[in-house]
Amino acid sequence: MTRPLNRRRFIGISCAAAGLSLLPFHAGATVQKDALIWQGYALGAPVKIILHHPDRQAAEALLRQVRAEIARLEGIFSLYRPDSELATLNRSGALVSPSPELVELLEKCRGFWEKSGGLFDPTVQPLWAYLAQHFSAEHPQASSLSSPALQKAQALIGFDGVRFNEDRIIFTRPHMAMTLNGVAQGYITDLITQLLADHGVTNTLINLGEYRTLENRPDGHPWQIGIADLETDPQPDEMLELSGNALATSGSVGFRFDPAGRFNHLLNPKATSENNLSASLYQRLTVIAPDATAADAWATAFSLMDENSIAAILKDLPATTVHLKTASGALRKVSA
């Protein structure tokens, strides 16, 4: 019998906005303290929007529009929906007439890939598939990883093998595949944030797997975000502030393929051996950046870098900071 694997990133972030209690995630809207709170699921993760709007009916109509837009975007980026554009691309190795959003995100991915020296790479999907298959087997052993099969999966990694323009996307090597789970949630968060802003919304918190805020809270104070290792942790061990910017967290203590935790969802596209296939430097790493797309991508890439390398890249990333929890449990802040 195989063990089911859930790819969801366990981020463990909770909103601690003053005057707003934390509610269990569910599909629906709730009115609380002059705010309309919508909660549901997107891309396999719980989502939450705290919307401040003077017109309740207009706010409800806007949230319906938001839900429809999220569903449309899932039809592009979902790794699990067989009819999504990404799934079609992975299945056939080519996609004709891709959505503008998919092309735009791939352009952004190319920038992250180049700036990170290849440590951010959406084409790690074959490696994920190999590890998922291996550790789903009955009584899997890390010591029994097949080197030829592992090397075959690693040989398919490389964003330079993705060719794309507004007309088509192709993989240059057979059996390549991509996952956008390390950036799509942030990108969708930015699109929804822009949709709300275009309708005059301010003083709002958007959580679509990553966080983005429109200005401060209605009382003028920054939004307070509590960070924990896992969503099941009873209390955050770090509080961070957002004021019109974004936040994303990745943690090696979240999803793990093996009980020992040697292999986790933060895969190293440039691994040279089984010993460095996954991130292990930090228990978690949080990026605060101007937009959620960048915060999401860099939370993935920085998890594979030492602090000096992170600081060097931060010199070229305006208004971006990193908060991390080391393997020993120490909380540290890294900036340019």
Protein backbone atom coordinates (compact mmCIF):
# COMPACT_ATOMS: atom_id res chain seq x y z
CA MET A 1 0.00 0.00 0.00
CA THR A 2 1.27 3.47 -0.81
CA ARG A 3 1.10 6.49 1.44
CA PRO A 4 -0.74 9.51 -0.01
CA LEU A 5 1.43 12.57 -0.37
CA ASN A 6 0.07 16.07 0.02
CA ARG A 7 2.18 18.69 -1.68
CA ARG A 8 0.75 21.61 0.23
CA ARG A 9 3.33 23.87 1.80
CA PHE A 10 2.80 24.13 5.53
CA ILE A 11 3.57 27.74 6.20
CA GLY A 12 1.91 28.29 9.53
CA ILE A 13 1.14 31.97 9.26
CA SER A 14 -1.74 33.57 11.10
CA CYS A 15 -3.19 37.03 10.85
CA ALA A 16 -3.11 38.91 14.13
CA ALA A 17 -4.91 42.08 13.03
CA ALA A 18 -6.13 44.15 15.96
CA GLY A 19 -9.87 43.87 16.49
CA LEU A 20 -10.22 40.80 14.25
CA SER A 21 -10.33 37.34 15.74
CA LEU A 22 -8.92 34.37 13.88
CA LEU A 23 -11.62 32.30 12.22
CA PRO A 24 -11.42 28.72 10.96
CA PHE A 25 -10.97 28.57 7.19
CA HIS A 26 -14.14 27.74 5.31
CA ALA A 27 -15.80 28.74 2.06
CA GLY A 28 -17.89 31.78 2.83
CA ALA A 29 -17.97 35.37 3.98
CA THR A 30 -18.36 36.65 7.52
CA VAL A 31 -19.03 40.16 8.77
CA GLN A 32 -16.91 41.12 11.76
CA LYS A 33 -15.94 44.49 13.22
CA ASP A 34 -16.86 46.50 10.09
CA ALA A 35 -14.92 44.09 7.86
CA LEU A 36 -16.14 41.49 5.41
CA ILE A 37 -13.98 38.37 5.80
CA TRP A 38 -13.97 35.79 3.03
CA GLN A 39 -12.32 32.44 3.55
CA GLY A 40 -11.96 29.45 1.28
CA TYR A 41 -9.33 27.43 -0.60
CA ALA A 42 -7.17 28.09 -3.66
CA LEU A 43 -4.35 26.03 -5.15
CA GLY A 44 -4.77 23.56 -2.30
CA ALA A 45 -4.24 26.09 0.48
CA PRO A 46 -6.58 28.06 2.76
CA VAL A 47 -7.14 31.66 1.70
CA LYS A 48 -8.46 34.67 3.53
CA ILE A 49 -9.34 38.24 2.57
CA ILE A 50 -10.20 40.90 5.16
CA LEU A 51 -12.03 43.52 3.11
CA HIS A 52 -12.90 46.96 4.42
CA HIS A 53 -15.52 48.60 2.22
CA PRO A 54 -18.19 51.24 3.00
CA ASP A 55 -20.84 49.49 0.88
CA ARG A 56 -21.65 45.99 2.07
CA GLN A 57 -23.47 44.91 -1.10
CA ALA A 58 -20.68 46.27 -3.30
CA ALA A 59 -18.13 44.43 -1.15
CA GLU A 60 -20.02 41.15 -1.46
CA ALA A 61 -20.27 41.58 -5.23
CA LEU A 62 -16.55 42.31 -5.40
CA LEU A 63 -15.71 39.19 -3.42
CA ARG A 64 -17.80 37.14 -5.85
CA GLN A 65 -15.70 38.61 -8.63
CA VAL A 66 -12.56 37.72 -6.70
CA ARG A 67 -13.69 34.11 -6.30
CA ALA A 68 -14.42 33.83 -10.01
CA GLU A 69 -11.01 35.27 -10.88
CA ILE A 70 -9.24 32.87 -8.53
CA ALA A 71 -11.06 29.95 -10.16
CA ARG A 72 -10.03 31.20 -13.61
CA LEU A 73 -6.39 31.51 -12.56
CA GLU A 74 -6.42 28.04 -11.03
CA GLY A 75 -7.42 26.83 -14.46
CA ILE A 76 -4.10 28.16 -15.69
CA PHE A 77 -1.64 27.37 -12.89
CA SER A 78 -2.98 24.34 -11.02
CA LEU A 79 -0.62 21.37 -11.03
CA TYR A 80 -3.43 18.97 -10.14
CA ARG A 81 -6.30 19.93 -12.41
CA PRO A 82 -5.88 17.81 -15.56
CA ASP A 83 -7.50 20.52 -17.67
CA SER A 84 -5.23 23.34 -16.50
CA GLU A 85 -2.77 24.94 -18.89
CA LEU A 86 0.17 23.86 -16.75
CA ALA A 87 -1.03 20.25 -16.61
CA THR A 88 -1.55 20.27 -20.38
CA LEU A 89 1.97 21.61 -20.90
CA ASN A 90 3.48 18.98 -18.61
CA ARG A 91 1.55 16.22 -20.30
CA SER A 92 2.35 17.13 -23.90
CA GLY A 93 5.57 19.14 -23.64
CA ALA A 94 4.02 22.04 -25.53
CA LEU A 95 1.17 24.52 -25.18
CA VAL A 96 -0.30 26.60 -27.99
CA SER A 97 -1.89 30.00 -27.32
CA PRO A 98 -1.05 30.18 -23.62
CA SER A 99 -2.84 32.68 -21.42
CA PRO A 100 -1.07 36.05 -21.08
CA GLU A 101 -0.81 35.44 -17.34
CA LEU A 102 1.13 32.23 -17.85
CA VAL A 103 3.57 33.91 -20.23
CA GLU A 104 4.00 36.85 -17.86
CA LEU A 105 4.71 34.58 -14.91
CA LEU A 106 7.26 32.59 -16.92
CA GLU A 107 9.00 35.88 -17.75
CA LYS A 108 9.19 36.63 -14.04
CA CYS A 109 10.43 33.10 -13.36
CA ARG A 110 13.23 33.57 -15.85
CA GLY A 111 14.33 36.66 -13.96
CA PHE A 112 14.28 34.84 -10.60
CA TRP A 113 16.13 31.89 -12.13
CA GLU A 114 18.87 34.10 -13.55
CA LYS A 115 19.29 36.27 -10.45
CA SER A 116 19.34 33.25 -8.11
CA GLY A 117 22.00 31.46 -10.13
CA GLY A 118 19.54 28.70 -10.96
CA LEU A 119 18.41 27.95 -7.41
CA PHE A 120 14.89 29.09 -8.27
CA ASP A 121 13.84 26.69 -11.00
CA PRO A 122 10.25 25.60 -11.72
CA THR A 123 11.48 22.60 -13.74
CA VAL A 124 12.22 20.58 -10.58
CA GLN A 125 8.91 18.77 -11.07
CA PRO A 126 10.52 15.52 -12.37
CA LEU A 127 12.61 15.37 -9.20
CA TRP A 128 9.49 15.90 -7.10
CA ALA A 129 7.70 13.14 -9.04
CA TYR A 130 10.60 10.75 -8.52
CA LEU A 131 10.78 11.38 -4.76
CA ALA A 132 6.99 11.18 -4.42
CA GLN A 133 6.95 7.81 -6.16
CA HIS A 134 9.88 6.50 -4.15
CA PHE A 135 8.56 7.53 -0.74
CA SER A 136 4.97 6.52 -1.52
CA ALA A 137 6.05 2.91 -1.79
CA GLU A 138 5.58 0.55 1.11
CA HIS A 139 8.49 0.74 3.59
CA PRO A 140 10.54 3.26 1.58
CA GLN A 141 14.14 3.80 2.58
CA ALA A 142 16.20 6.90 1.85
CA SER A 143 19.21 4.63 1.44
CA SER A 144 17.50 2.80 -1.42
CA LEU A 145 17.19 5.82 -3.71
CA SER A 146 18.09 4.66 -7.20
CA SER A 147 21.02 6.68 -8.49
CA PRO A 148 20.25 6.10 -12.21
CA ALA A 149 16.59 7.09 -11.75
CA LEU A 150 17.56 10.04 -9.60
CA GLN A 151 20.13 11.20 -12.14
CA LYS A 152 17.56 10.85 -14.92
CA ALA A 153 15.17 13.12 -13.03
CA GLN A 154 17.90 15.65 -12.30
CA ALA A 155 18.96 15.71 -15.96
CA LEU A 156 15.52 17.08 -16.85
CA ILE A 157 15.94 20.13 -14.62
CA GLY A 158 16.88 23.43 -16.19
CA PHE A 159 14.76 26.49 -16.95
CA ASP A 160 16.94 27.10 -19.99
CA GLY A 161 15.01 24.19 -21.50
CA VAL A 162 11.76 26.18 -21.47
CA ARG A 163 11.03 28.25 -24.59
CA PHE A 164 8.05 30.55 -24.59
CA ASN A 165 6.39 33.55 -26.19
CA GLU A 166 2.84 34.77 -26.54
CA ASP A 167 2.10 32.08 -29.14
CA ARG A 168 3.43 28.92 -27.52
CA ILE A 169 5.42 27.28 -24.74
CA ILE A 170 7.63 24.25 -25.39
CA PHE A 171 10.05 22.06 -23.47
CA THR A 172 13.25 21.42 -25.38
CA ARG A 173 13.85 18.05 -23.70
CA PRO A 174 11.36 15.16 -23.64
CA HIS A 175 9.73 14.41 -20.27
CA MET A 176 10.47 17.82 -18.76
CA ALA A 177 7.78 19.22 -16.46
CA MET A 178 7.22 22.34 -14.37
CA THR A 179 5.66 23.22 -11.08
CA LEU A 180 4.73 26.82 -10.35
CA ASN A 181 3.81 26.08 -6.74
CA GLY A 182 6.79 28.14 -5.58
CA VAL A 183 5.53 31.33 -7.21
CA ALA A 184 1.94 31.03 -8.53
CA GLN A 185 0.27 31.72 -5.18
CA GLY A 186 2.22 34.95 -4.89
CA TYR A 187 1.42 35.91 -8.47
CA ILE A 188 -2.30 35.24 -8.01
CA THR A 189 -2.17 37.24 -4.78
CA ASP A 190 -0.78 40.21 -6.69
CA LEU A 191 -3.44 39.95 -9.40
CA ILE A 192 -6.25 39.83 -6.85
CA THR A 193 -4.70 42.72 -4.95
CA GLN A 194 -4.64 44.79 -8.14
CA LEU A 195 -8.26 43.86 -8.86
CA LEU A 196 -9.30 45.12 -5.44
CA ALA A 197 -7.21 48.27 -5.76
CA ASP A 198 -8.78 49.00 -9.15
CA HIS A 199 -12.15 49.03 -7.40
CA GLY A 200 -10.97 51.57 -4.87
CA VAL A 201 -10.33 49.15 -2.03
CA THR A 202 -7.84 50.20 0.64
CA ASN A 203 -6.88 49.00 4.14
CA THR A 204 -7.20 45.35 3.21
CA LEU A 205 -5.31 42.14 3.91
CA ILE A 206 -5.16 39.46 1.21
CA ASN A 207 -3.95 35.96 2.07
CA LEU A 208 -3.97 33.61 -0.91
CA GLY A 209 -1.22 31.37 0.39
CA GLU A 210 1.07 34.41 0.53
CA TYR A 211 0.23 37.76 2.10
CA ARG A 212 -0.29 41.13 0.46
CA THR A 213 -1.72 44.29 2.03
CA LEU A 214 -3.28 47.42 0.65
CA GLU A 215 -2.03 50.23 2.88
CA ASN A 216 -2.32 49.92 6.68
CA ARG A 217 -5.18 48.73 8.83
CA PRO A 218 -8.14 51.11 9.06
CA ASP A 219 -6.77 52.43 12.37
CA GLY A 220 -3.57 53.50 10.59
CA HIS A 221 -1.34 50.87 12.16
CA PRO A 222 0.54 48.22 10.17
CA TRP A 223 -0.91 44.77 9.77
CA GLN A 224 0.55 42.32 12.27
CA ILE A 225 1.45 38.88 10.92
CA GLY A 226 2.34 36.07 13.28
CA ILE A 227 4.81 33.49 11.99
CA ALA A 228 5.05 29.88 13.19
CA ASP A 229 6.73 26.76 11.88
CA LEU A 230 3.48 24.90 11.22
CA GLU A 231 -0.16 25.83 10.82
CA THR A 232 -0.91 23.59 13.80
CA ASP A 233 1.36 25.54 16.15
CA PRO A 234 -0.79 27.15 18.87
CA GLN A 235 1.15 30.45 18.95
CA PRO A 236 3.45 32.34 16.57
CA ASP A 237 7.04 32.79 17.71
CA GLU A 238 7.65 35.90 15.60
CA MET A 239 5.54 38.96 14.74
CA LEU A 240 6.16 40.94 11.55
CA GLU A 241 4.53 44.08 10.14
CA LEU A 242 3.14 44.79 6.69
CA SER A 243 2.18 48.18 5.28
CA GLY A 244 1.25 47.95 1.62
CA ASN A 245 3.76 45.18 0.90
CA ALA A 246 3.88 41.38 0.83
CA LEU A 247 5.12 38.41 2.82
CA ALA A 248 5.84 34.77 1.99
CA THR A 249 7.28 31.94 4.07
CA SER A 250 8.89 28.60 3.21
CA GLY A 251 9.81 26.01 5.80
CA SER A 252 11.83 22.81 5.62
CA VAL A 253 9.99 21.56 8.72
CA GLY A 254 6.69 21.56 6.83
CA PHE A 255 6.16 18.86 4.23
CA ARG A 256 8.70 16.06 4.32
CA PHE A 257 8.96 12.99 2.11
CA ASP A 258 10.65 10.88 4.79
CA PRO A 259 10.13 10.70 8.57
CA ALA A 260 13.72 11.77 9.24
CA GLY A 261 13.19 14.98 7.26
CA ARG A 262 16.21 14.63 4.97
CA PHE A 263 13.99 15.15 1.93
CA ASN A 264 11.47 17.97 1.93
CA HIS A 265 9.49 20.00 -0.61
CA LEU A 266 12.20 22.68 -0.96
CA LEU A 267 14.15 20.88 -3.67
CA ASN A 268 17.61 21.92 -4.76
CA PRO A 269 17.75 22.07 -8.58
CA LYS A 270 21.55 22.16 -8.45
CA ALA A 271 22.04 19.25 -6.03
CA THR A 272 25.23 17.29 -6.54
CA SER A 273 24.33 14.33 -4.35
CA GLU A 274 21.50 12.79 -2.32
CA ASN A 275 22.77 14.70 0.70
CA ASN A 276 21.77 18.13 -0.60
CA LEU A 277 18.59 17.39 -2.54
CA SER A 278 16.51 19.48 -0.15
CA ALA A 279 16.88 22.64 1.92
CA SER A 280 18.28 22.07 5.41
CA LEU A 281 19.88 25.36 6.50
CA TYR A 282 16.76 26.84 8.12
CA GLN A 283 13.63 25.67 9.85
CA ARG A 284 11.80 28.42 7.97
CA LEU A 285 12.51 31.58 6.02
CA THR A 286 10.23 34.58 5.50
CA VAL A 287 10.61 37.25 2.83
CA ILE A 288 8.99 40.68 3.00
CA ALA A 289 8.98 42.33 -0.42
CA PRO A 290 7.04 44.95 -2.39
CA ASP A 291 4.96 42.28 -4.14
CA ALA A 292 3.88 38.73 -3.36
CA THR A 293 5.31 37.19 -6.54
CA ALA A 294 8.84 38.20 -5.56
CA ALA A 295 8.31 37.31 -1.91
CA ASP A 296 7.09 33.84 -2.88
CA ALA A 297 9.89 33.11 -5.34
CA TRP A 298 12.66 34.39 -3.09
CA ALA A 299 11.32 32.51 -0.08
CA THR A 300 11.94 29.37 -2.13
CA ALA A 301 15.35 30.34 -3.53
CA PHE A 302 16.76 31.86 -0.31
CA SER A 303 15.95 28.65 1.56
CA LEU A 304 18.81 27.06 -0.40
CA MET A 305 21.35 29.85 0.23
CA ASP A 306 23.55 30.75 3.17
CA GLU A 307 23.06 34.13 4.83
CA ASN A 308 25.97 35.81 3.03
CA SER A 309 24.57 34.82 -0.35
CA ILE A 310 21.14 36.08 0.66
CA ALA A 311 22.58 39.43 1.76
CA ALA A 312 24.45 39.80 -1.53
CA ILE A 313 21.27 39.36 -3.58
CA LEU A 314 19.28 41.64 -1.29
CA LYS A 315 21.52 44.52 -2.38
CA ASP A 316 19.70 44.41 -5.74
CA LEU A 317 16.23 43.90 -4.26
CA PRO A 318 14.75 47.20 -3.02
CA ALA A 319 12.62 47.17 0.12
CA THR A 320 13.18 43.45 0.69
CA THR A 321 14.15 41.81 3.97
CA VAL A 322 14.53 38.23 5.15
CA HIS A 323 13.59 36.81 8.52
CA LEU A 324 14.74 33.28 9.21
CA LYS A 325 14.81 30.63 11.88
CA THR A 326 18.04 28.68 11.80
CA ALA A 327 18.31 24.92 12.13
CA SER A 328 19.19 25.46 15.78
CA GLY A 329 16.09 27.60 16.38
CA ALA A 330 17.65 31.09 16.44
CA LEU A 331 15.64 33.93 14.90
CA ARG A 332 17.65 36.19 12.60
CA LYS A 333 17.03 39.08 10.21
CA VAL A 334 19.03 39.46 7.00
CA SER A 335 19.10 42.67 4.96
CA ALA A 336 21.37 44.23 2.37
